[in-house]
Structure formats: C-alpha cells, structure tokens
Amino acid sequence: MDHVSLIDLLAQAEDSEAGAAVESYLRMAARSAFTAVLFHEVESLCGKAYQRAADSDYQRTGSAPGGYFFGTEEGAVRRPRVRKNGKEVCLKSYEAAQSRDPYA
C-alpha cells in the first residue's frame, strides 16, 4: 500500500473531489489496520514469523485470497492461513470482518 497522507491527497484534489479523496484515504487506512490486526492475531497464535513457538500447536500455512467489509463496501486482502494440529483455524479477526453489519 502506498503511504499517502490525507493532506497530500487533499492538496492534489479539486474542491469537488475532496470527499472522494477523504473516502479513498479512509479505505487505505482501514485496509492497513485490518491487515495489522490479522497479522497480530497470527503472531499471537504462532509466535513471530520464522520463529515458531515451541510450546504452540499453531503454525502458519501461507495465505489465500480473501475479503473484508468496510461499512457496506467489500475490500480484497490476502488472508493468512493458520493450522492447529493439522486442521485449518478460522481467525477471529477475519471472521468478524465478514459481515456487512458491524454489530453482527
């Protein structure tokens, strides 16, 4: 993701495009935050990358295409995959982002 500041986006936007610039920035920030939450959850289960926790039954097993909802809009993301004792584990943070209803 390109790290563009909101000020830079607004400076480049025409007055009529300011709302779209803010919305674009918020989408980028939401995707970045969601990705950070996913990787934090994976790290809490599996330990740091390339340093598997000896006392953990969890292990990283790559990634898969996935999605999340930001309000009513869907975004694409690479979903990290985790297994416990050979069985796929559903990440709680990923599961929570699968509903268009934030209170579901």
PDB file of N, CA and C in Angstrom:
ATOM      1  N   MET A   1       0.845  -1.176   0.000  1.00  0.00           N
ATOM      2  CA  MET A   1       0.000   0.000   0.000  1.00  0.00           C
ATOM      3  C   MET A   1       0.887   1.235   0.000  1.00  0.00           C
ATOM      4  N   ASP A   2       0.528   2.214  -0.809  1.00  0.00           N
ATOM      5  CA  ASP A   2       1.250   3.474  -0.807  1.00  0.00           C
ATOM      6  C   ASP A   2       0.857   4.247   0.439  1.00  0.00           C
ATOM      7  N   HIS A   3       1.855   4.771   1.133  1.00  0.00           N
ATOM      8  CA  HIS A   3       1.572   5.563   2.328  1.00  0.00           C
ATOM      9  C   HIS A   3       1.467   7.022   1.905  1.00  0.00           C
ATOM     10  N   VAL A   4       0.253   7.449   1.664  1.00  0.00           N
ATOM     11  CA  VAL A   4      -0.030   8.803   1.226  1.00  0.00           C
ATOM     12  C   VAL A   4      -0.772   9.498   2.357  1.00  0.00           C
ATOM     13  N   SER A   5      -0.347  10.709   2.666  1.00  0.00           N
ATOM     14  CA  SER A   5      -1.032  11.420   3.745  1.00  0.00           C
ATOM     15  C   SER A   5      -2.328  12.040   3.221  1.00  0.00           C
ATOM     16  N   LEU A   6      -3.256  12.211   4.119  1.00  0.00           N
ATOM     17  CA  LEU A   6      -4.528  12.828   3.757  1.00  0.00           C
ATOM     18  C   LEU A   6      -4.302  14.246   3.257  1.00  0.00           C
ATOM     19  N   ILE A   7      -3.374  14.946   3.864  1.00  0.00           N
ATOM     20  CA  ILE A   7      -3.069  16.323   3.440  1.00  0.00           C
ATOM     21  C   ILE A   7      -2.600  16.335   1.989  1.00  0.00           C
ATOM     22  N   ASP A   8      -1.730  15.371   1.603  1.00  0.00           N
ATOM     23  CA  ASP A   8      -1.265  15.287   0.215  1.00  0.00           C
ATOM     24  C   ASP A   8      -2.424  15.014  -0.738  1.00  0.00           C
ATOM     25  N   LEU A   9      -3.311  14.088  -0.352  1.00  0.00           N
ATOM     26  CA  LEU A   9      -4.468  13.785  -1.198  1.00  0.00           C
ATOM     27  C   LEU A   9      -5.349  15.009  -1.385  1.00  0.00           C
ATOM     28  N   LEU A  10      -5.613  15.723  -0.296  1.00  0.00           N
ATOM     29  CA  LEU A  10      -6.476  16.899  -0.381  1.00  0.00           C
ATOM     30  C   LEU A  10      -5.818  18.030  -1.167  1.00  0.00           C
ATOM     31  N   ALA A  11      -4.510  18.158  -1.046  1.00  0.00           N
ATOM     32  CA  ALA A  11      -3.797  19.208  -1.775  1.00  0.00           C
ATOM     33  C   ALA A  11      -3.868  18.983  -3.278  1.00  0.00           C
ATOM     34  N   GLN A  12      -3.902  17.727  -3.697  1.00  0.00           N
ATOM     35  CA  GLN A  12      -3.935  17.400  -5.122  1.00  0.00           C
ATOM     36  C   GLN A  12      -5.354  17.375  -5.684  1.00  0.00           C
ATOM     37  N   ALA A  13      -6.347  17.320  -4.826  1.00  0.00           N
ATOM     38  CA  ALA A  13      -7.736  17.165  -5.267  1.00  0.00           C
ATOM     39  C   ALA A  13      -8.382  18.515  -5.555  1.00  0.00           C
ATOM     40  N   GLU A  14      -9.250  18.518  -6.545  1.00  0.00           N
ATOM     41  CA  GLU A  14     -10.101  19.678  -6.796  1.00  0.00           C
ATOM     42  C   GLU A  14     -11.133  19.727  -5.669  1.00  0.00           C
ATOM     43  N   ASP A  15     -11.757  20.879  -5.487  1.00  0.00           N
ATOM     44  CA  ASP A  15     -12.769  21.003  -4.432  1.00  0.00           C
ATOM     45  C   ASP A  15     -13.849  19.934  -4.555  1.00  0.00           C
ATOM     46  N   SER A  16     -14.265  19.655  -5.775  1.00  0.00           N
ATOM     47  CA  SER A  16     -15.331  18.677  -5.990  1.00  0.00           C
ATOM     48  C   SER A  16     -14.874  17.247  -5.705  1.00  0.00           C
ATOM     49  N   GLU A  17     -13.561  17.022  -5.606  1.00  0.00           N
ATOM     50  CA  GLU A  17     -13.022  15.682  -5.379  1.00  0.00           C
ATOM     51  C   GLU A  17     -12.565  15.458  -3.936  1.00  0.00           C
ATOM     52  N   ALA A  18     -12.703  16.449  -3.077  1.00  0.00           N
ATOM     53  CA  ALA A  18     -12.198  16.345  -1.703  1.00  0.00           C
ATOM     54  C   ALA A  18     -12.866  15.203  -0.943  1.00  0.00           C
ATOM     55  N   GLY A  19     -14.166  15.054  -1.093  1.00  0.00           N
ATOM     56  CA  GLY A  19     -14.878  13.972  -0.410  1.00  0.00           C
ATOM     57  C   GLY A  19     -14.371  12.610  -0.844  1.00  0.00           C
ATOM     58  N   ALA A  20     -14.147  12.444  -2.140  1.00  0.00           N
ATOM     59  CA  ALA A  20     -13.631  11.175  -2.659  1.00  0.00           C
ATOM     60  C   ALA A  20     -12.206  10.933  -2.167  1.00  0.00           C
ATOM     61  N   ALA A  21     -11.417  12.000  -2.031  1.00  0.00           N
ATOM     62  CA  ALA A  21     -10.048  11.857  -1.532  1.00  0.00           C
ATOM     63  C   ALA A  21     -10.050  11.390  -0.081  1.00  0.00           C
ATOM     64  N   VAL A  22     -10.938  11.947   0.731  1.00  0.00           N
ATOM     65  CA  VAL A  22     -11.043  11.525   2.132  1.00  0.00           C
ATOM     66  C   VAL A  22     -11.503  10.073   2.200  1.00  0.00           C
ATOM     67  N   GLU A  23     -12.501   9.715   1.392  1.00  0.00           N
ATOM     68  CA  GLU A  23     -13.001   8.338   1.378  1.00  0.00           C
ATOM     69  C   GLU A  23     -11.910   7.358   0.948  1.00  0.00           C
ATOM     70  N   SER A  24     -11.134   7.719  -0.052  1.00  0.00           N
ATOM     71  CA  SER A  24     -10.035   6.868  -0.514  1.00  0.00           C
ATOM     72  C   SER A  24      -8.997   6.670   0.589  1.00  0.00           C
ATOM     73  N   TYR A  25      -8.672   7.743   1.278  1.00  0.00           N
ATOM     74  CA  TYR A  25      -7.714   7.664   2.376  1.00  0.00           C
ATOM     75  C   TYR A  25      -8.231   6.753   3.487  1.00  0.00           C
ATOM     76  N   LEU A  26      -9.504   6.889   3.829  1.00  0.00           N
ATOM     77  CA  LEU A  26     -10.088   6.058   4.884  1.00  0.00           C
ATOM     78  C   LEU A  26     -10.103   4.585   4.491  1.00  0.00           C
ATOM     79  N   ARG A  27     -10.350   4.294   3.221  1.00  0.00           N
ATOM     80  CA  ARG A  27     -10.304   2.900   2.764  1.00  0.00           C
ATOM     81  C   ARG A  27      -8.894   2.331   2.909  1.00  0.00           C
ATOM     82  N   MET A  28      -7.887   3.115   2.525  1.00  0.00           N
ATOM     83  CA  MET A  28      -6.499   2.655   2.662  1.00  0.00           C
ATOM     84  C   MET A  28      -6.154   2.428   4.130  1.00  0.00           C
ATOM     85  N   ALA A  29      -6.578   3.346   4.990  1.00  0.00           N
ATOM     86  CA  ALA A  29      -6.290   3.220   6.422  1.00  0.00           C
ATOM     87  C   ALA A  29      -7.003   2.011   7.018  1.00  0.00           C
ATOM     88  N   ALA A  30      -8.243   1.770   6.605  1.00  0.00           N
ATOM     89  CA  ALA A  30      -8.992   0.611   7.110  1.00  0.00           C
ATOM     90  C   ALA A  30      -8.322  -0.687   6.679  1.00  0.00           C
ATOM     91  N   ARG A  31      -7.883  -0.760   5.434  1.00  0.00           N
ATOM     92  CA  ARG A  31      -7.217  -1.972   4.942  1.00  0.00           C
ATOM     93  C   ARG A  31      -5.912  -2.205   5.696  1.00  0.00           C
ATOM     94  N   SER A  32      -5.161  -1.151   5.894  1.00  0.00           N
ATOM     95  CA  SER A  32      -3.899  -1.254   6.621  1.00  0.00           C
ATOM     96  C   SER A  32      -4.132  -1.710   8.061  1.00  0.00           C
ATOM     97  N   ALA A  33      -5.129  -1.131   8.715  1.00  0.00           N
ATOM     98  CA  ALA A  33      -5.439  -1.511  10.099  1.00  0.00           C
ATOM     99  C   ALA A  33      -5.917  -2.957  10.170  1.00  0.00           C
ATOM    100  N   PHE A  34      -6.761  -3.373   9.234  1.00  0.00           N
ATOM    101  CA  PHE A  34      -7.272  -4.741   9.232  1.00  0.00           C
ATOM    102  C   PHE A  34      -6.136  -5.737   9.018  1.00  0.00           C
ATOM    103  N   THR A  35      -5.243  -5.441   8.096  1.00  0.00           N
ATOM    104  CA  THR A  35      -4.095  -6.314   7.850  1.00  0.00           C
ATOM    105  C   THR A  35      -3.227  -6.426   9.102  1.00  0.00           C
ATOM    106  N   ALA A  36      -3.009  -5.313   9.793  1.00  0.00           N
ATOM    107  CA  ALA A  36      -2.211  -5.333  11.025  1.00  0.00           C
ATOM    108  C   ALA A  36      -2.876  -6.197  12.095  1.00  0.00           C
ATOM    109  N   VAL A  37      -4.195  -6.112  12.214  1.00  0.00           N
ATOM    110  CA  VAL A  37      -4.919  -6.932  13.194  1.00  0.00           C
ATOM    111  C   VAL A  37      -4.783  -8.412  12.852  1.00  0.00           C
ATOM    112  N   LEU A  38      -4.925  -8.761  11.564  1.00  0.00           N
ATOM    113  CA  LEU A  38      -4.765 -10.158  11.145  1.00  0.00           C
ATOM    114  C   LEU A  38      -3.391 -10.690  11.532  1.00  0.00           C
ATOM    115  N   PHE A  39      -2.353  -9.939  11.200  1.00  0.00           N
ATOM    116  CA  PHE A  39      -1.001 -10.416  11.473  1.00  0.00           C
ATOM    117  C   PHE A  39      -0.692 -10.450  12.966  1.00  0.00           C
ATOM    118  N   HIS A  40      -1.294  -9.557  13.727  1.00  0.00           N
ATOM    119  CA  HIS A  40      -1.121  -9.595  15.181  1.00  0.00           C
ATOM    120  C   HIS A  40      -1.758 -10.866  15.745  1.00  0.00           C
ATOM    121  N   GLU A  41      -2.946 -11.210  15.255  1.00  0.00           N
ATOM    122  CA  GLU A  41      -3.603 -12.435  15.721  1.00  0.00           C
ATOM    123  C   GLU A  41      -2.777 -13.666  15.357  1.00  0.00           C
ATOM    124  N   VAL A  42      -2.257 -13.702  14.132  1.00  0.00           N
ATOM    125  CA  VAL A  42      -1.423 -14.835  13.712  1.00  0.00           C
ATOM    126  C   VAL A  42      -0.189 -14.934  14.599  1.00  0.00           C
ATOM    127  N   GLU A  43       0.453 -13.808  14.873  1.00  0.00           N
ATOM    128  CA  GLU A  43       1.642 -13.808  15.725  1.00  0.00           C
ATOM    129  C   GLU A  43       1.314 -14.261  17.144  1.00  0.00           C
ATOM    130  N   SER A  44       0.143 -13.878  17.642  1.00  0.00           N
ATOM    131  CA  SER A  44      -0.230 -14.299  18.997  1.00  0.00           C
ATOM    132  C   SER A  44      -0.476 -15.805  19.067  1.00  0.00           C
ATOM    133  N   LEU A  45      -0.907 -16.410  17.967  1.00  0.00           N
ATOM    134  CA  LEU A  45      -1.137 -17.857  17.930  1.00  0.00           C
ATOM    135  C   LEU A  45       0.134 -18.642  17.630  1.00  0.00           C
ATOM    136  N   CYS A  46       0.916 -18.155  16.661  1.00  0.00           N
ATOM    137  CA  CYS A  46       2.037 -18.932  16.119  1.00  0.00           C
ATOM    138  C   CYS A  46       3.409 -18.487  16.598  1.00  0.00           C
ATOM    139  N   GLY A  47       3.498 -17.324  17.195  1.00  0.00           N
ATOM    140  CA  GLY A  47       4.796 -16.751  17.515  1.00  0.00           C
ATOM    141  C   GLY A  47       5.274 -15.892  16.357  1.00  0.00           C
ATOM    142  N   LYS A  48       6.434 -15.305  16.498  1.00  0.00           N
ATOM    143  CA  LYS A  48       6.985 -14.434  15.458  1.00  0.00           C
ATOM    144  C   LYS A  48       7.284 -15.236  14.196  1.00  0.00           C
ATOM    145  N   ALA A  49       7.200 -14.562  13.059  1.00  0.00           N
ATOM    146  CA  ALA A  49       7.473 -15.210  11.777  1.00  0.00           C
ATOM    147  C   ALA A  49       8.881 -15.798  11.774  1.00  0.00           C
ATOM    148  N   TYR A  50       8.995 -16.977  11.220  1.00  0.00           N
ATOM    149  CA  TYR A  50      10.263 -17.711  11.107  1.00  0.00           C
ATOM    150  C   TYR A  50      10.836 -18.118  12.463  1.00  0.00           C
ATOM    151  N   GLN A  51      10.044 -17.987  13.518  1.00  0.00           N
ATOM    152  CA  GLN A  51      10.480 -18.384  14.859  1.00  0.00           C
ATOM    153  C   GLN A  51       9.321 -19.093  15.549  1.00  0.00           C
ATOM    154  N   ARG A  52       8.940 -20.230  15.034  1.00  0.00           N
ATOM    155  CA  ARG A  52       7.780 -20.945  15.565  1.00  0.00           C
ATOM    156  C   ARG A  52       7.922 -21.160  17.072  1.00  0.00           C
ATOM    157  N   ALA A  53       6.868 -20.842  17.784  1.00  0.00           N
ATOM    158  CA  ALA A  53       6.862 -21.016  19.236  1.00  0.00           C
ATOM    159  C   ALA A  53       6.858 -22.510  19.560  1.00  0.00           C
ATOM    160  N   ALA A  54       7.828 -22.955  20.330  1.00  0.00           N
ATOM    161  CA  ALA A  54       7.972 -24.377  20.650  1.00  0.00           C
ATOM    162  C   ALA A  54       6.776 -24.912  21.424  1.00  0.00           C
ATOM    163  N   ASP A  55       6.134 -24.063  22.202  1.00  0.00           N
ATOM    164  CA  ASP A  55       5.014 -24.512  23.030  1.00  0.00           C
ATOM    165  C   ASP A  55       3.650 -24.295  22.368  1.00  0.00           C
ATOM    166  N   SER A  56       3.632 -24.007  21.060  1.00  0.00           N
ATOM    167  CA  SER A  56       2.382 -23.739  20.363  1.00  0.00           C
ATOM    168  C   SER A  56       2.025 -24.876  19.410  1.00  0.00           C
ATOM    169  N   ASP A  57       0.748 -25.205  19.351  1.00  0.00           N
ATOM    170  CA  ASP A  57       0.253 -26.199  18.401  1.00  0.00           C
ATOM    171  C   ASP A  57      -0.114 -25.558  17.067  1.00  0.00           C
ATOM    172  N   TYR A  58       0.003 -24.234  16.978  1.00  0.00           N
ATOM    173  CA  TYR A  58      -0.378 -23.497  15.778  1.00  0.00           C
ATOM    174  C   TYR A  58       0.824 -23.311  14.867  1.00  0.00           C
ATOM    175  N   GLN A  59       0.537 -23.266  13.552  1.00  0.00           N
ATOM    176  CA  GLN A  59       1.604 -22.951  12.598  1.00  0.00           C
ATOM    177  C   GLN A  59       1.033 -22.188  11.408  1.00  0.00           C
ATOM    178  N   ARG A  60       1.848 -21.326  10.846  1.00  0.00           N
ATOM    179  CA  ARG A  60       1.464 -20.590   9.646  1.00  0.00           C
ATOM    180  C   ARG A  60       1.457 -21.565   8.473  1.00  0.00           C
ATOM    181  N   THR A  61       0.488 -21.393   7.583  1.00  0.00           N
ATOM    182  CA  THR A  61       0.436 -22.262   6.407  1.00  0.00           C
ATOM    183  C   THR A  61       0.139 -21.458   5.153  1.00  0.00           C
ATOM    184  N   GLY A  62       0.765 -20.304   5.021  1.00  0.00           N
ATOM    185  CA  GLY A  62       0.611 -19.499   3.814  1.00  0.00           C
ATOM    186  C   GLY A  62      -0.540 -18.517   3.905  1.00  0.00           C
ATOM    187  N   SER A  63      -1.112 -18.225   2.733  1.00  0.00           N
ATOM    188  CA  SER A  63      -2.221 -17.277   2.675  1.00  0.00           C
ATOM    189  C   SER A  63      -3.154 -17.665   1.535  1.00  0.00           C
ATOM    190  N   ALA A  64      -4.297 -17.032   1.514  1.00  0.00           N
ATOM    191  CA  ALA A  64      -5.300 -17.283   0.489  1.00  0.00           C
ATOM    192  C   ALA A  64      -6.009 -15.966   0.185  1.00  0.00           C
ATOM    193  N   PRO A  65      -6.591 -15.850  -1.008  1.00  0.00           N
ATOM    194  CA  PRO A  65      -7.364 -14.643  -1.296  1.00  0.00           C
ATOM    195  C   PRO A  65      -8.538 -14.535  -0.330  1.00  0.00           C
ATOM    196  N   GLY A  66      -8.842 -13.333   0.077  1.00  0.00           N
ATOM    197  CA  GLY A  66      -9.952 -13.130   0.995  1.00  0.00           C
ATOM    198  C   GLY A  66     -10.520 -11.739   0.852  1.00  0.00           C
ATOM    199  N   GLY A  67     -11.446 -11.414   1.707  1.00  0.00           N
ATOM    200  CA  GLY A  67     -12.069 -10.104   1.661  1.00  0.00           C
ATOM    201  C   GLY A  67     -12.516  -9.676   3.044  1.00  0.00           C
ATOM    202  N   TYR A  68     -12.892  -8.427   3.148  1.00  0.00           N
ATOM    203  CA  TYR A  68     -13.394  -7.863   4.395  1.00  0.00           C
ATOM    204  C   TYR A  68     -14.376  -6.762   4.024  1.00  0.00           C
ATOM    205  N   PHE A  69     -15.195  -6.378   4.968  1.00  0.00           N
ATOM    206  CA  PHE A  69     -16.141  -5.295   4.731  1.00  0.00           C
ATOM    207  C   PHE A  69     -15.737  -4.073   5.531  1.00  0.00           C
ATOM    208  N   PHE A  70     -15.763  -2.934   4.865  1.00  0.00           N
ATOM    209  CA  PHE A  70     -15.557  -1.631   5.491  1.00  0.00           C
ATOM    210  C   PHE A  70     -16.861  -0.877   5.266  1.00  0.00           C
ATOM    211  N   GLY A  71     -17.690  -0.858   6.287  1.00  0.00           N
ATOM    212  CA  GLY A  71     -19.046  -0.342   6.092  1.00  0.00           C
ATOM    213  C   GLY A  71     -19.805  -1.340   5.238  1.00  0.00           C
ATOM    214  N   THR A  72     -20.318  -0.880   4.112  1.00  0.00           N
ATOM    215  CA  THR A  72     -21.033  -1.785   3.211  1.00  0.00           C
ATOM    216  C   THR A  72     -20.189  -2.174   2.007  1.00  0.00           C
ATOM    217  N   GLU A  73     -18.968  -1.683   1.935  1.00  0.00           N
ATOM    218  CA  GLU A  73     -18.094  -1.952   0.795  1.00  0.00           C
ATOM    219  C   GLU A  73     -17.140  -3.092   1.102  1.00  0.00           C
ATOM    220  N   GLU A  74     -16.924  -3.937   0.098  1.00  0.00           N
ATOM    221  CA  GLU A  74     -16.018  -5.069   0.277  1.00  0.00           C
ATOM    222  C   GLU A  74     -14.627  -4.704  -0.226  1.00  0.00           C
ATOM    223  N   GLY A  75     -13.608  -5.139   0.505  1.00  0.00           N
ATOM    224  CA  GLY A  75     -12.225  -4.942   0.099  1.00  0.00           C
ATOM    225  C   GLY A  75     -11.525  -6.283  -0.011  1.00  0.00           C
ATOM    226  N   ALA A  76     -10.522  -6.351  -0.866  1.00  0.00           N
ATOM    227  CA  ALA A  76      -9.751  -7.583  -1.041  1.00  0.00           C
ATOM    228  C   ALA A  76      -8.527  -7.559  -0.135  1.00  0.00           C
ATOM    229  N   VAL A  77      -8.151  -8.735   0.352  1.00  0.00           N
ATOM    230  CA  VAL A  77      -6.987  -8.857   1.229  1.00  0.00           C
ATOM    231  C   VAL A  77      -6.446 -10.280   1.113  1.00  0.00           C
ATOM    232  N   ARG A  78      -5.157 -10.452   1.354  1.00  0.00           N
ATOM    233  CA  ARG A  78      -4.591 -11.804   1.462  1.00  0.00           C
ATOM    234  C   ARG A  78      -4.826 -12.267   2.889  1.00  0.00           C
ATOM    235  N   ARG A  79      -5.559 -13.352   3.027  1.00  0.00           N
ATOM    236  CA  ARG A  79      -5.909 -13.893   4.345  1.00  0.00           C
ATOM    237  C   ARG A  79      -4.833 -14.871   4.790  1.00  0.00           C
ATOM    238  N   PRO A  80      -4.165 -14.595   5.916  1.00  0.00           N
ATOM    239  CA  PRO A  80      -3.174 -15.553   6.410  1.00  0.00           C
ATOM    240  C   PRO A  80      -3.871 -16.845   6.839  1.00  0.00           C
ATOM    241  N   ARG A  81      -3.209 -17.965   6.580  1.00  0.00           N
ATOM    242  CA  ARG A  81      -3.768 -19.258   6.966  1.00  0.00           C
ATOM    243  C   ARG A  81      -2.987 -19.816   8.146  1.00  0.00           C
ATOM    244  N   VAL A  82      -3.721 -20.396   9.089  1.00  0.00           N
ATOM    245  CA  VAL A  82      -3.129 -20.976  10.295  1.00  0.00           C
ATOM    246  C   VAL A  82      -3.752 -22.348  10.503  1.00  0.00           C
ATOM    247  N   ARG A  83      -2.929 -23.287  10.938  1.00  0.00           N
ATOM    248  CA  ARG A  83      -3.417 -24.627  11.276  1.00  0.00           C
ATOM    249  C   ARG A  83      -3.049 -24.949  12.715  1.00  0.00           C
ATOM    250  N   LYS A  84      -3.918 -25.742  13.332  1.00  0.00           N
ATOM    251  CA  LYS A  84      -3.653 -26.261  14.672  1.00  0.00           C
ATOM    252  C   LYS A  84      -3.823 -27.767  14.589  1.00  0.00           C
ATOM    253  N   ASN A  85      -2.746 -28.476  14.909  1.00  0.00           N
ATOM    254  CA  ASN A  85      -2.758 -29.941  14.836  1.00  0.00           C
ATOM    255  C   ASN A  85      -3.263 -30.428  13.479  1.00  0.00           C
ATOM    256  N   GLY A  86      -2.840 -29.739  12.404  1.00  0.00           N
ATOM    257  CA  GLY A  86      -3.178 -30.151  11.046  1.00  0.00           C
ATOM    258  C   GLY A  86      -4.525 -29.688  10.530  1.00  0.00           C
ATOM    259  N   LYS A  87      -5.306 -28.976  11.339  1.00  0.00           N
ATOM    260  CA  LYS A  87      -6.627 -28.517  10.910  1.00  0.00           C
ATOM    261  C   LYS A  87      -6.650 -26.998  10.789  1.00  0.00           C
ATOM    262  N   GLU A  88      -7.301 -26.519   9.721  1.00  0.00           N
ATOM    263  CA  GLU A  88      -7.416 -25.083   9.479  1.00  0.00           C
ATOM    264  C   GLU A  88      -8.126 -24.396  10.650  1.00  0.00           C
ATOM    265  N   VAL A  89      -7.590 -23.246  11.048  1.00  0.00           N
ATOM    266  CA  VAL A  89      -8.167 -22.442  12.123  1.00  0.00           C
ATOM    267  C   VAL A  89      -8.748 -21.175  11.500  1.00  0.00           C
ATOM    268  N   CYS A  90      -9.965 -20.841  11.877  1.00  0.00           N
ATOM    269  CA  CYS A  90     -10.575 -19.599  11.408  1.00  0.00           C
ATOM    270  C   CYS A  90     -10.125 -18.471  12.335  1.00  0.00           C
ATOM    271  N   LEU A  91      -9.477 -17.468  11.780  1.00  0.00           N
ATOM    272  CA  LEU A  91      -9.025 -16.334  12.581  1.00  0.00           C
ATOM    273  C   LEU A  91     -10.237 -15.508  13.023  1.00  0.00           C
ATOM    274  N   LYS A  92     -10.290 -15.184  14.294  1.00  0.00           N
ATOM    275  CA  LYS A  92     -11.430 -14.434  14.836  1.00  0.00           C
ATOM    276  C   LYS A  92     -11.562 -13.066  14.180  1.00  0.00           C
ATOM    277  N   SER A  93     -10.436 -12.409  13.933  1.00  0.00           N
ATOM    278  CA  SER A  93     -10.488 -11.081  13.327  1.00  0.00           C
ATOM    279  C   SER A  93     -11.005 -11.155  11.892  1.00  0.00           C
ATOM    280  N   TYR A  94     -10.608 -12.193  11.162  1.00  0.00           N
ATOM    281  CA  TYR A  94     -11.087 -12.358   9.789  1.00  0.00           C
ATOM    282  C   TYR A  94     -12.583 -12.665   9.791  1.00  0.00           C
ATOM    283  N   GLU A  95     -12.998 -13.545  10.674  1.00  0.00           N
ATOM    284  CA  GLU A  95     -14.413 -13.914  10.775  1.00  0.00           C
ATOM    285  C   GLU A  95     -15.272 -12.691  11.100  1.00  0.00           C
ATOM    286  N   ALA A  96     -14.783 -11.837  11.985  1.00  0.00           N
ATOM    287  CA  ALA A  96     -15.533 -10.640  12.378  1.00  0.00           C
ATOM    288  C   ALA A  96     -15.705  -9.664  11.220  1.00  0.00           C
ATOM    289  N   ALA A  97     -14.791  -9.679  10.264  1.00  0.00           N
ATOM    290  CA  ALA A  97     -14.836  -8.739   9.143  1.00  0.00           C
ATOM    291  C   ALA A  97     -15.642  -9.268   7.959  1.00  0.00           C
ATOM    292  N   GLN A  98     -16.326 -10.387   8.134  1.00  0.00           N
ATOM    293  CA  GLN A  98     -17.072 -10.988   7.035  1.00  0.00           C
ATOM    294  C   GLN A  98     -18.515 -10.511   6.943  1.00  0.00           C
ATOM    295  N   SER A  99     -18.951  -9.681   7.851  1.00  0.00           N
ATOM    296  CA  SER A  99     -20.335  -9.213   7.863  1.00  0.00           C
ATOM    297  C   SER A  99     -20.412  -7.748   7.460  1.00  0.00           C
ATOM    298  N   ARG A 100     -21.425  -7.423   6.681  1.00  0.00           N
ATOM    299  CA  ARG A 100     -21.672  -6.016   6.349  1.00  0.00           C
ATOM    300  C   ARG A 100     -22.237  -5.267   7.553  1.00  0.00           C
ATOM    301  N   ASP A 101     -22.785  -6.018   8.501  1.00  0.00           N
ATOM    302  CA  ASP A 101     -23.369  -5.425   9.703  1.00  0.00           C
ATOM    303  C   ASP A 101     -22.308  -5.380  10.799  1.00  0.00           C
ATOM    304  N   PRO A 102     -21.845  -4.186  11.197  1.00  0.00           N
ATOM    305  CA  PRO A 102     -20.776  -4.103  12.195  1.00  0.00           C
ATOM    306  C   PRO A 102     -21.174  -4.617  13.572  1.00  0.00           C
ATOM    307  N   TYR A 103     -22.474  -4.812  13.796  1.00  0.00           N
ATOM    308  CA  TYR A 103     -22.936  -5.267  15.104  1.00  0.00           C
ATOM    309  C   TYR A 103     -23.326  -6.738  15.111  1.00  0.00           C
ATOM    310  N   ALA A 104     -23.106  -7.424  13.984  1.00  0.00           N
ATOM    311  CA  ALA A 104     -23.477  -8.854  13.892  1.00  0.00           C
ATOM    312  C   ALA A 104     -22.503  -9.713  14.656  1.00  0.00           C
TER     313      ALA A 104
END
